[in-house]
Amino acid sequence: MSESSSVPVQQPGRRAQPLQRLLFGGVYGSVLASALAGALGHEGSDPGYDAAWVALSAVASAAAHGYAHSIAHMTEDDTRVTVSAVRSMFTEWPLVLAVLPTVAALLGASAGWWSEDGAVEVALAINMVALFGWGVWAARVARRGWWASVRVGGVDVLIGLFIVIANVVSK
C-alpha cells in the first residue's frame, strides 16, 4: 500500500477507535460477567468474596487482553514496548466497567438485600439486556438500519441466553 493512501495507520498494540474499544469491552465484559455469575450461587458461598473475585477476574482479563494485543502488534524496532503494553492494558477499561452491575448485585447480596441466587439471577438478566444494547449500538454505529440492529442485539442476547441455560442445567 502506498504512503499516500487514506487508510489510517494504527499504532501497535492499540485499536484505532475509542468507540470500537468501548463496544468490544462492553460485550466482552458482559459475557465475562455472565459466565462468572453463572458459576456462582452455590450453598455457603460469600457473595462479598464472590464480588471481589468477579472484579479481580475482570481486571486480570482486561490486563491480559491489553497485554496480548500489545505483544501481538509488537515490532522489532519498537523500543518502548513496556509503555505500549501498559497503555494498551489501560484502554481495556470498558471491559472492567461492564462487570460492575454484576459486582453491585453481589455486593447487594452481601449487604443482605437479597440472596446470592437472587443476585446471580439479577446479574444475568442485566447482562442479557446489556448484551442486547451493546449489539444494537454496535450495529447502529456501523450504520445498519433499526431492524438489522435489533437482529444483531438479538444474536448478542443468545450468548447471554446460552449462559443462563448452562447455569440452569448445571444446577
N, C-alpha and C. Protein backbone atom coordinates (compact mmCIF):
# COMPACT_ATOMS: atom_id res chain seq x y z
N MET A 1 0.84 -1.16 0.00
CA MET A 1 0.00 0.00 0.00
C MET A 1 0.89 1.23 0.00
N SER A 2 0.58 2.22 -0.79
CA SER A 2 1.42 3.41 -0.89
C SER A 2 1.23 4.31 0.32
N GLU A 3 2.22 5.17 0.55
CA GLU A 3 2.17 6.08 1.68
C GLU A 3 1.10 7.14 1.52
N SER A 4 0.65 7.39 0.30
CA SER A 4 -0.37 8.42 0.07
C SER A 4 -1.79 7.89 0.28
N SER A 5 -1.91 6.66 0.72
CA SER A 5 -3.21 6.07 0.96
C SER A 5 -3.95 6.81 2.08
N SER A 6 -5.27 6.81 2.01
CA SER A 6 -6.06 7.49 3.02
C SER A 6 -6.43 6.59 4.19
N VAL A 7 -5.93 5.36 4.20
CA VAL A 7 -6.21 4.43 5.30
C VAL A 7 -5.39 4.85 6.51
N PRO A 8 -6.05 5.05 7.68
CA PRO A 8 -5.29 5.48 8.86
C PRO A 8 -4.36 4.38 9.35
N VAL A 9 -3.19 4.78 9.79
CA VAL A 9 -2.21 3.83 10.32
C VAL A 9 -2.53 3.62 11.79
N GLN A 10 -2.58 2.36 12.20
CA GLN A 10 -2.90 2.03 13.57
C GLN A 10 -1.61 1.85 14.36
N GLN A 11 -1.55 2.43 15.56
CA GLN A 11 -0.38 2.25 16.39
C GLN A 11 -0.33 0.82 16.89
N PRO A 12 0.88 0.27 17.05
CA PRO A 12 0.98 -1.09 17.57
C PRO A 12 0.36 -1.21 18.95
N GLY A 13 -0.36 -2.29 19.16
CA GLY A 13 -0.90 -2.60 20.47
C GLY A 13 -2.17 -1.86 20.84
N ARG A 14 -2.73 -1.08 19.96
CA ARG A 14 -3.94 -0.33 20.29
C ARG A 14 -4.91 -0.38 19.13
N ARG A 15 -6.20 -0.57 19.46
CA ARG A 15 -7.22 -0.45 18.43
C ARG A 15 -7.39 1.02 18.12
N ALA A 16 -7.73 1.35 16.91
CA ALA A 16 -7.72 2.74 16.45
C ALA A 16 -8.82 3.60 17.06
N GLN A 17 -9.99 3.08 17.28
CA GLN A 17 -11.13 3.91 17.65
C GLN A 17 -11.55 3.69 19.11
N PRO A 18 -11.71 4.78 19.88
CA PRO A 18 -12.20 4.63 21.25
C PRO A 18 -13.58 3.98 21.31
N LEU A 19 -14.46 4.30 20.35
CA LEU A 19 -15.79 3.70 20.34
C LEU A 19 -15.71 2.20 20.10
N GLN A 20 -14.80 1.78 19.24
CA GLN A 20 -14.59 0.36 19.00
C GLN A 20 -14.15 -0.33 20.29
N ARG A 21 -13.24 0.30 21.04
CA ARG A 21 -12.78 -0.27 22.32
C ARG A 21 -13.93 -0.37 23.30
N LEU A 22 -14.77 0.67 23.33
CA LEU A 22 -15.91 0.68 24.25
C LEU A 22 -16.88 -0.45 23.92
N LEU A 23 -17.24 -0.59 22.66
CA LEU A 23 -18.19 -1.63 22.26
C LEU A 23 -17.61 -3.02 22.49
N PHE A 24 -16.36 -3.22 22.12
CA PHE A 24 -15.72 -4.52 22.34
C PHE A 24 -15.69 -4.85 23.83
N GLY A 25 -15.21 -3.89 24.63
CA GLY A 25 -15.11 -4.11 26.06
C GLY A 25 -16.46 -4.34 26.71
N GLY A 26 -17.47 -3.64 26.25
CA GLY A 26 -18.82 -3.82 26.80
C GLY A 26 -19.36 -5.21 26.56
N VAL A 27 -19.24 -5.67 25.33
CA VAL A 27 -19.72 -7.02 25.01
C VAL A 27 -18.89 -8.07 25.75
N TYR A 28 -17.58 -7.95 25.66
CA TYR A 28 -16.68 -8.93 26.29
C TYR A 28 -16.89 -8.95 27.80
N GLY A 29 -16.98 -7.77 28.40
CA GLY A 29 -17.19 -7.70 29.85
C GLY A 29 -18.53 -8.25 30.28
N SER A 30 -19.57 -7.99 29.49
CA SER A 30 -20.90 -8.52 29.83
C SER A 30 -20.93 -10.04 29.74
N VAL A 31 -20.29 -10.59 28.73
CA VAL A 31 -20.22 -12.06 28.62
C VAL A 31 -19.38 -12.64 29.76
N LEU A 32 -18.25 -12.01 30.05
CA LEU A 32 -17.40 -12.47 31.15
C LEU A 32 -18.16 -12.43 32.47
N ALA A 33 -18.84 -11.33 32.74
CA ALA A 33 -19.61 -11.20 33.99
C ALA A 33 -20.70 -12.26 34.07
N SER A 34 -21.37 -12.52 32.96
CA SER A 34 -22.42 -13.54 32.95
C SER A 34 -21.84 -14.92 33.24
N ALA A 35 -20.74 -15.23 32.59
CA ALA A 35 -20.12 -16.55 32.81
C ALA A 35 -19.65 -16.70 34.25
N LEU A 36 -19.05 -15.66 34.80
CA LEU A 36 -18.60 -15.73 36.19
C LEU A 36 -19.78 -15.82 37.15
N ALA A 37 -20.82 -15.03 36.90
CA ALA A 37 -22.01 -15.07 37.76
C ALA A 37 -22.67 -16.43 37.68
N GLY A 38 -22.72 -17.00 36.48
CA GLY A 38 -23.32 -18.32 36.31
C GLY A 38 -22.61 -19.41 37.09
N ALA A 39 -21.33 -19.21 37.35
CA ALA A 39 -20.57 -20.20 38.12
C ALA A 39 -20.79 -20.04 39.62
N LEU A 40 -21.46 -18.99 40.03
CA LEU A 40 -21.69 -18.71 41.46
C LEU A 40 -23.02 -19.27 41.92
N GLY A 41 -23.36 -18.94 43.14
CA GLY A 41 -24.67 -19.27 43.67
C GLY A 41 -24.74 -20.63 44.32
N HIS A 42 -23.63 -21.13 44.80
CA HIS A 42 -23.66 -22.41 45.48
C HIS A 42 -23.83 -22.20 46.98
N GLU A 43 -24.29 -23.21 47.67
CA GLU A 43 -24.55 -23.12 49.11
C GLU A 43 -23.29 -22.73 49.88
N GLY A 44 -23.48 -21.83 50.84
CA GLY A 44 -22.40 -21.48 51.74
C GLY A 44 -21.36 -20.52 51.19
N SER A 45 -21.59 -19.97 50.01
CA SER A 45 -20.60 -19.04 49.46
C SER A 45 -20.83 -17.65 50.02
N ASP A 46 -19.80 -16.85 50.00
CA ASP A 46 -19.86 -15.47 50.49
C ASP A 46 -19.97 -14.54 49.30
N PRO A 47 -21.13 -13.86 49.13
CA PRO A 47 -21.30 -13.00 47.96
C PRO A 47 -20.31 -11.84 47.89
N GLY A 48 -19.83 -11.35 49.03
CA GLY A 48 -18.82 -10.29 49.03
C GLY A 48 -17.51 -10.79 48.44
N TYR A 49 -17.14 -11.99 48.85
CA TYR A 49 -15.93 -12.62 48.32
C TYR A 49 -16.09 -12.88 46.82
N ASP A 50 -17.27 -13.35 46.44
CA ASP A 50 -17.54 -13.60 45.02
C ASP A 50 -17.48 -12.31 44.20
N ALA A 51 -18.01 -11.22 44.76
CA ALA A 51 -17.97 -9.93 44.07
C ALA A 51 -16.53 -9.50 43.85
N ALA A 52 -15.69 -9.69 44.88
CA ALA A 52 -14.28 -9.33 44.75
C ALA A 52 -13.60 -10.15 43.66
N TRP A 53 -13.94 -11.43 43.59
CA TRP A 53 -13.32 -12.28 42.56
C TRP A 53 -13.81 -11.95 41.16
N VAL A 54 -15.07 -11.58 41.03
CA VAL A 54 -15.58 -11.16 39.72
C VAL A 54 -14.83 -9.90 39.28
N ALA A 55 -14.69 -8.93 40.18
CA ALA A 55 -13.97 -7.69 39.85
C ALA A 55 -12.51 -7.98 39.53
N LEU A 56 -11.86 -8.79 40.34
CA LEU A 56 -10.46 -9.13 40.11
C LEU A 56 -10.29 -9.88 38.78
N SER A 57 -11.21 -10.77 38.48
CA SER A 57 -11.15 -11.51 37.21
C SER A 57 -11.30 -10.56 36.02
N ALA A 58 -12.15 -9.56 36.16
CA ALA A 58 -12.32 -8.58 35.07
C ALA A 58 -11.05 -7.76 34.87
N VAL A 59 -10.44 -7.33 35.97
CA VAL A 59 -9.20 -6.56 35.86
C VAL A 59 -8.10 -7.42 35.24
N ALA A 60 -8.00 -8.67 35.68
CA ALA A 60 -6.98 -9.56 35.12
C ALA A 60 -7.24 -9.84 33.64
N SER A 61 -8.50 -10.03 33.28
CA SER A 61 -8.84 -10.27 31.88
C SER A 61 -8.52 -9.06 31.01
N ALA A 62 -8.85 -7.89 31.53
CA ALA A 62 -8.56 -6.66 30.78
C ALA A 62 -7.06 -6.48 30.60
N ALA A 63 -6.31 -6.70 31.66
CA ALA A 63 -4.86 -6.57 31.57
C ALA A 63 -4.28 -7.59 30.61
N ALA A 64 -4.74 -8.82 30.71
CA ALA A 64 -4.24 -9.88 29.82
C ALA A 64 -4.58 -9.59 28.37
N HIS A 65 -5.81 -9.12 28.13
CA HIS A 65 -6.21 -8.83 26.76
C HIS A 65 -5.40 -7.67 26.21
N GLY A 66 -5.24 -6.61 26.98
CA GLY A 66 -4.47 -5.46 26.53
C GLY A 66 -3.02 -5.83 26.27
N TYR A 67 -2.45 -6.61 27.17
CA TYR A 67 -1.06 -7.03 27.02
C TYR A 67 -0.89 -7.92 25.79
N ALA A 68 -1.79 -8.88 25.63
CA ALA A 68 -1.71 -9.78 24.46
C ALA A 68 -1.87 -8.99 23.17
N HIS A 69 -2.77 -8.02 23.18
CA HIS A 69 -2.97 -7.20 21.98
C HIS A 69 -1.70 -6.41 21.67
N SER A 70 -1.06 -5.88 22.70
CA SER A 70 0.17 -5.12 22.52
C SER A 70 1.29 -6.01 22.00
N ILE A 71 1.45 -7.17 22.59
CA ILE A 71 2.50 -8.09 22.17
C ILE A 71 2.27 -8.57 20.74
N ALA A 72 1.02 -8.81 20.37
CA ALA A 72 0.71 -9.28 19.02
C ALA A 72 1.07 -8.25 17.96
N HIS A 73 1.09 -6.98 18.35
CA HIS A 73 1.39 -5.91 17.40
C HIS A 73 2.79 -5.33 17.58
N MET A 74 3.59 -6.00 18.38
CA MET A 74 4.95 -5.52 18.65
C MET A 74 5.79 -5.63 17.38
N THR A 75 6.62 -4.64 17.19
CA THR A 75 7.55 -4.68 16.07
C THR A 75 8.96 -4.70 16.61
N GLU A 76 9.90 -5.14 15.81
CA GLU A 76 11.28 -5.25 16.26
C GLU A 76 11.87 -3.89 16.60
N ASP A 77 11.48 -2.85 15.92
CA ASP A 77 12.06 -1.53 16.18
C ASP A 77 11.35 -0.75 17.28
N ASP A 78 10.34 -1.34 17.91
CA ASP A 78 9.60 -0.66 18.98
C ASP A 78 10.41 -0.75 20.26
N THR A 79 11.03 0.34 20.64
CA THR A 79 11.87 0.33 21.83
C THR A 79 11.08 0.59 23.10
N ARG A 80 9.86 1.09 22.98
CA ARG A 80 9.05 1.40 24.16
C ARG A 80 7.90 0.41 24.29
N VAL A 81 8.23 -0.87 24.28
CA VAL A 81 7.21 -1.91 24.37
C VAL A 81 6.47 -1.84 25.70
N THR A 82 7.17 -1.57 26.78
CA THR A 82 6.54 -1.51 28.09
C THR A 82 5.49 -0.40 28.13
N VAL A 83 5.81 0.76 27.62
CA VAL A 83 4.86 1.87 27.59
C VAL A 83 3.65 1.50 26.73
N SER A 84 3.91 0.90 25.58
CA SER A 84 2.84 0.48 24.69
C SER A 84 1.94 -0.55 25.35
N ALA A 85 2.54 -1.52 26.04
CA ALA A 85 1.76 -2.57 26.70
C ALA A 85 0.90 -2.00 27.82
N VAL A 86 1.46 -1.11 28.63
CA VAL A 86 0.70 -0.52 29.73
C VAL A 86 -0.44 0.33 29.17
N ARG A 87 -0.15 1.11 28.13
CA ARG A 87 -1.19 1.94 27.50
C ARG A 87 -2.31 1.06 26.95
N SER A 88 -1.92 -0.04 26.32
CA SER A 88 -2.91 -0.96 25.75
C SER A 88 -3.77 -1.59 26.84
N MET A 89 -3.16 -1.92 27.98
CA MET A 89 -3.92 -2.50 29.09
C MET A 89 -4.94 -1.50 29.63
N PHE A 90 -4.55 -0.23 29.73
CA PHE A 90 -5.46 0.78 30.24
C PHE A 90 -6.61 1.07 29.28
N THR A 91 -6.44 0.78 28.00
CA THR A 91 -7.54 1.02 27.06
C THR A 91 -8.64 -0.04 27.19
N GLU A 92 -8.42 -1.04 28.01
CA GLU A 92 -9.42 -2.10 28.22
C GLU A 92 -10.39 -1.78 29.35
N TRP A 93 -10.42 -0.54 29.83
CA TRP A 93 -11.30 -0.18 30.94
C TRP A 93 -12.78 -0.49 30.69
N PRO A 94 -13.29 -0.46 29.44
CA PRO A 94 -14.71 -0.77 29.27
C PRO A 94 -15.06 -2.20 29.69
N LEU A 95 -14.12 -3.12 29.55
CA LEU A 95 -14.36 -4.49 29.98
C LEU A 95 -14.61 -4.53 31.48
N VAL A 96 -13.80 -3.82 32.24
CA VAL A 96 -13.96 -3.78 33.70
C VAL A 96 -15.27 -3.07 34.06
N LEU A 97 -15.57 -2.00 33.39
CA LEU A 97 -16.80 -1.25 33.64
C LEU A 97 -18.04 -2.13 33.42
N ALA A 98 -17.99 -3.00 32.43
CA ALA A 98 -19.15 -3.83 32.09
C ALA A 98 -19.47 -4.88 33.15
N VAL A 99 -18.52 -5.22 34.01
CA VAL A 99 -18.83 -6.20 35.06
C VAL A 99 -19.37 -5.55 36.33
N LEU A 100 -19.36 -4.23 36.40
CA LEU A 100 -19.78 -3.56 37.64
C LEU A 100 -21.23 -3.83 38.04
N PRO A 101 -22.19 -3.97 37.11
CA PRO A 101 -23.54 -4.34 37.57
C PRO A 101 -23.58 -5.70 38.28
N THR A 102 -22.79 -6.64 37.80
CA THR A 102 -22.73 -7.95 38.45
C THR A 102 -22.10 -7.82 39.83
N VAL A 103 -21.02 -7.05 39.92
CA VAL A 103 -20.37 -6.82 41.22
C VAL A 103 -21.35 -6.13 42.18
N ALA A 104 -22.09 -5.15 41.67
CA ALA A 104 -23.06 -4.44 42.52
C ALA A 104 -24.16 -5.38 43.01
N ALA A 105 -24.65 -6.26 42.14
CA ALA A 105 -25.68 -7.21 42.56
C ALA A 105 -25.16 -8.14 43.65
N LEU A 106 -23.93 -8.59 43.49
CA LEU A 106 -23.33 -9.47 44.51
C LEU A 106 -23.08 -8.72 45.81
N LEU A 107 -22.66 -7.47 45.72
CA LEU A 107 -22.47 -6.68 46.94
C LEU A 107 -23.81 -6.43 47.64
N GLY A 108 -24.89 -6.29 46.85
CA GLY A 108 -26.22 -6.19 47.44
C GLY A 108 -26.58 -7.44 48.21
N ALA A 109 -26.22 -8.59 47.68
CA ALA A 109 -26.46 -9.85 48.40
C ALA A 109 -25.61 -9.92 49.66
N SER A 110 -24.39 -9.41 49.56
CA SER A 110 -23.50 -9.39 50.73
C SER A 110 -24.07 -8.49 51.83
N ALA A 111 -24.74 -7.41 51.43
CA ALA A 111 -25.36 -6.50 52.39
C ALA A 111 -26.68 -7.04 52.94
N GLY A 112 -27.13 -8.19 52.41
CA GLY A 112 -28.35 -8.80 52.90
C GLY A 112 -29.61 -8.33 52.22
N TRP A 113 -29.48 -7.61 51.11
CA TRP A 113 -30.66 -7.11 50.40
C TRP A 113 -31.42 -8.22 49.71
N TRP A 114 -30.71 -9.27 49.30
CA TRP A 114 -31.31 -10.42 48.66
C TRP A 114 -30.34 -11.58 48.74
N SER A 115 -30.75 -12.74 48.30
CA SER A 115 -29.88 -13.91 48.35
C SER A 115 -28.85 -13.86 47.22
N GLU A 116 -27.82 -14.68 47.35
CA GLU A 116 -26.83 -14.71 46.27
C GLU A 116 -27.44 -15.27 45.00
N ASP A 117 -28.32 -16.26 45.12
CA ASP A 117 -29.00 -16.78 43.93
C ASP A 117 -29.82 -15.68 43.25
N GLY A 118 -30.48 -14.85 44.07
CA GLY A 118 -31.23 -13.72 43.52
C GLY A 118 -30.30 -12.74 42.83
N ALA A 119 -29.14 -12.48 43.42
CA ALA A 119 -28.16 -11.57 42.83
C ALA A 119 -27.66 -12.12 41.49
N VAL A 120 -27.43 -13.41 41.42
CA VAL A 120 -26.97 -14.03 40.18
C VAL A 120 -28.05 -13.90 39.11
N GLU A 121 -29.30 -14.15 39.48
CA GLU A 121 -30.40 -14.02 38.51
C GLU A 121 -30.52 -12.59 38.00
N VAL A 122 -30.43 -11.63 38.91
CA VAL A 122 -30.49 -10.22 38.52
C VAL A 122 -29.32 -9.88 37.60
N ALA A 123 -28.12 -10.33 37.98
CA ALA A 123 -26.93 -10.04 37.17
C ALA A 123 -27.05 -10.64 35.77
N LEU A 124 -27.54 -11.86 35.68
CA LEU A 124 -27.70 -12.49 34.36
C LEU A 124 -28.74 -11.73 33.52
N ALA A 125 -29.82 -11.28 34.15
CA ALA A 125 -30.83 -10.52 33.41
C ALA A 125 -30.26 -9.17 32.95
N ILE A 126 -29.56 -8.47 33.84
CA ILE A 126 -28.95 -7.18 33.48
C ILE A 126 -27.96 -7.38 32.34
N ASN A 127 -27.16 -8.42 32.42
CA ASN A 127 -26.15 -8.65 31.39
C ASN A 127 -26.77 -9.01 30.05
N MET A 128 -27.90 -9.72 30.06
CA MET A 128 -28.57 -10.01 28.79
C MET A 128 -29.13 -8.73 28.17
N VAL A 129 -29.70 -7.86 28.99
CA VAL A 129 -30.19 -6.58 28.48
C VAL A 129 -29.01 -5.75 27.96
N ALA A 130 -27.90 -5.77 28.70
CA ALA A 130 -26.71 -5.03 28.26
C ALA A 130 -26.19 -5.58 26.94
N LEU A 131 -26.17 -6.91 26.79
CA LEU A 131 -25.71 -7.50 25.53
C LEU A 131 -26.59 -7.06 24.37
N PHE A 132 -27.89 -7.02 24.60
CA PHE A 132 -28.80 -6.54 23.56
C PHE A 132 -28.44 -5.09 23.20
N GLY A 133 -28.28 -4.27 24.22
CA GLY A 133 -27.94 -2.87 23.99
C GLY A 133 -26.62 -2.68 23.27
N TRP A 134 -25.60 -3.43 23.68
CA TRP A 134 -24.30 -3.35 23.01
C TRP A 134 -24.42 -3.75 21.55
N GLY A 135 -25.18 -4.80 21.27
CA GLY A 135 -25.34 -5.25 19.90
C GLY A 135 -26.06 -4.23 19.04
N VAL A 136 -27.14 -3.66 19.57
CA VAL A 136 -27.88 -2.64 18.82
C VAL A 136 -26.99 -1.43 18.58
N TRP A 137 -26.28 -1.00 19.62
CA TRP A 137 -25.43 0.17 19.49
C TRP A 137 -24.32 -0.06 18.45
N ALA A 138 -23.69 -1.23 18.52
CA ALA A 138 -22.62 -1.53 17.56
C ALA A 138 -23.15 -1.53 16.13
N ALA A 139 -24.31 -2.11 15.93
CA ALA A 139 -24.88 -2.14 14.58
C ALA A 139 -25.27 -0.74 14.10
N ARG A 140 -25.79 0.08 15.00
CA ARG A 140 -26.14 1.44 14.62
C ARG A 140 -24.89 2.25 14.27
N VAL A 141 -23.81 2.05 15.04
CA VAL A 141 -22.54 2.72 14.74
C VAL A 141 -22.04 2.30 13.36
N ALA A 142 -22.30 1.04 13.00
CA ALA A 142 -21.90 0.52 11.69
C ALA A 142 -22.89 0.93 10.59
N ARG A 143 -23.80 1.81 10.94
CA ARG A 143 -24.80 2.37 10.01
C ARG A 143 -25.80 1.34 9.49
N ARG A 144 -26.12 0.38 10.32
CA ARG A 144 -27.16 -0.58 9.98
C ARG A 144 -28.51 0.06 10.33
N GLY A 145 -29.55 -0.41 9.68
CA GLY A 145 -30.90 0.06 9.98
C GLY A 145 -31.36 -0.47 11.32
N TRP A 146 -32.50 0.04 11.77
CA TRP A 146 -33.00 -0.39 13.09
C TRP A 146 -33.33 -1.88 13.13
N TRP A 147 -33.97 -2.40 12.09
CA TRP A 147 -34.33 -3.81 12.09
C TRP A 147 -33.08 -4.69 12.14
N ALA A 148 -32.09 -4.37 11.35
CA ALA A 148 -30.83 -5.13 11.37
C ALA A 148 -30.13 -4.98 12.72
N SER A 149 -30.20 -3.80 13.31
CA SER A 149 -29.57 -3.57 14.61
C SER A 149 -30.24 -4.40 15.71
N VAL A 150 -31.56 -4.47 15.65
CA VAL A 150 -32.28 -5.29 16.63
C VAL A 150 -31.92 -6.77 16.46
N ARG A 151 -31.75 -7.21 15.22
CA ARG A 151 -31.32 -8.60 14.99
C ARG A 151 -29.94 -8.84 15.58
N VAL A 152 -29.02 -7.91 15.39
CA VAL A 152 -27.67 -8.06 15.97
C VAL A 152 -27.77 -8.11 17.49
N GLY A 153 -28.58 -7.23 18.08
CA GLY A 153 -28.79 -7.28 19.52
C GLY A 153 -29.37 -8.61 19.97
N GLY A 154 -30.28 -9.16 19.16
CA GLY A 154 -30.86 -10.47 19.47
C GLY A 154 -29.83 -11.58 19.45
N VAL A 155 -28.91 -11.52 18.52
CA VAL A 155 -27.84 -12.52 18.46
C VAL A 155 -26.96 -12.39 19.70
N ASP A 156 -26.66 -11.16 20.12
CA ASP A 156 -25.87 -10.97 21.34
C ASP A 156 -26.60 -11.54 22.55
N VAL A 157 -27.92 -11.37 22.59
CA VAL A 157 -28.71 -11.92 23.70
C VAL A 157 -28.60 -13.44 23.72
N LEU A 158 -28.49 -14.06 22.56
CA LEU A 158 -28.35 -15.52 22.52
C LEU A 158 -27.11 -16.00 23.28
N ILE A 159 -26.05 -15.20 23.26
CA ILE A 159 -24.85 -15.55 24.04
C ILE A 159 -25.20 -15.57 25.52
N GLY A 160 -25.89 -14.52 25.98
CA GLY A 160 -26.31 -14.47 27.38
C GLY A 160 -27.29 -15.58 27.72
N LEU A 161 -28.21 -15.87 26.78
CA LEU A 161 -29.18 -16.94 27.00
C LEU A 161 -28.49 -18.29 27.12
N PHE A 162 -27.46 -18.50 26.32
CA PHE A 162 -26.68 -19.74 26.42
C PHE A 162 -26.11 -19.89 27.82
N ILE A 163 -25.59 -18.82 28.39
CA ILE A 163 -25.03 -18.87 29.74
C ILE A 163 -26.13 -19.14 30.76
N VAL A 164 -27.29 -18.51 30.60
CA VAL A 164 -28.42 -18.74 31.52
C VAL A 164 -28.84 -20.21 31.47
N ILE A 165 -28.98 -20.75 30.26
CA ILE A 165 -29.38 -22.16 30.11
C ILE A 165 -28.32 -23.08 30.73
N ALA A 166 -27.06 -22.79 30.48
CA ALA A 166 -25.99 -23.60 31.08
C ALA A 166 -26.03 -23.52 32.59
N ASN A 167 -26.37 -22.35 33.13
CA ASN A 167 -26.48 -22.18 34.57
C ASN A 167 -27.63 -23.03 35.12
N VAL A 168 -28.76 -23.01 34.45
CA VAL A 168 -29.92 -23.80 34.91
C VAL A 168 -29.62 -25.29 34.82
N VAL A 169 -29.04 -25.72 33.72
CA VAL A 169 -28.74 -27.14 33.54
C VAL A 169 -27.70 -27.64 34.55
N SER A 170 -26.72 -26.81 34.86
CA SER A 170 -25.66 -27.24 35.77
C SER A 170 -26.10 -27.31 37.22
N LYS A 171 -27.22 -26.66 37.54
CA LYS A 171 -27.70 -26.69 38.93
C LYS A 171 -28.87 -27.58 39.02
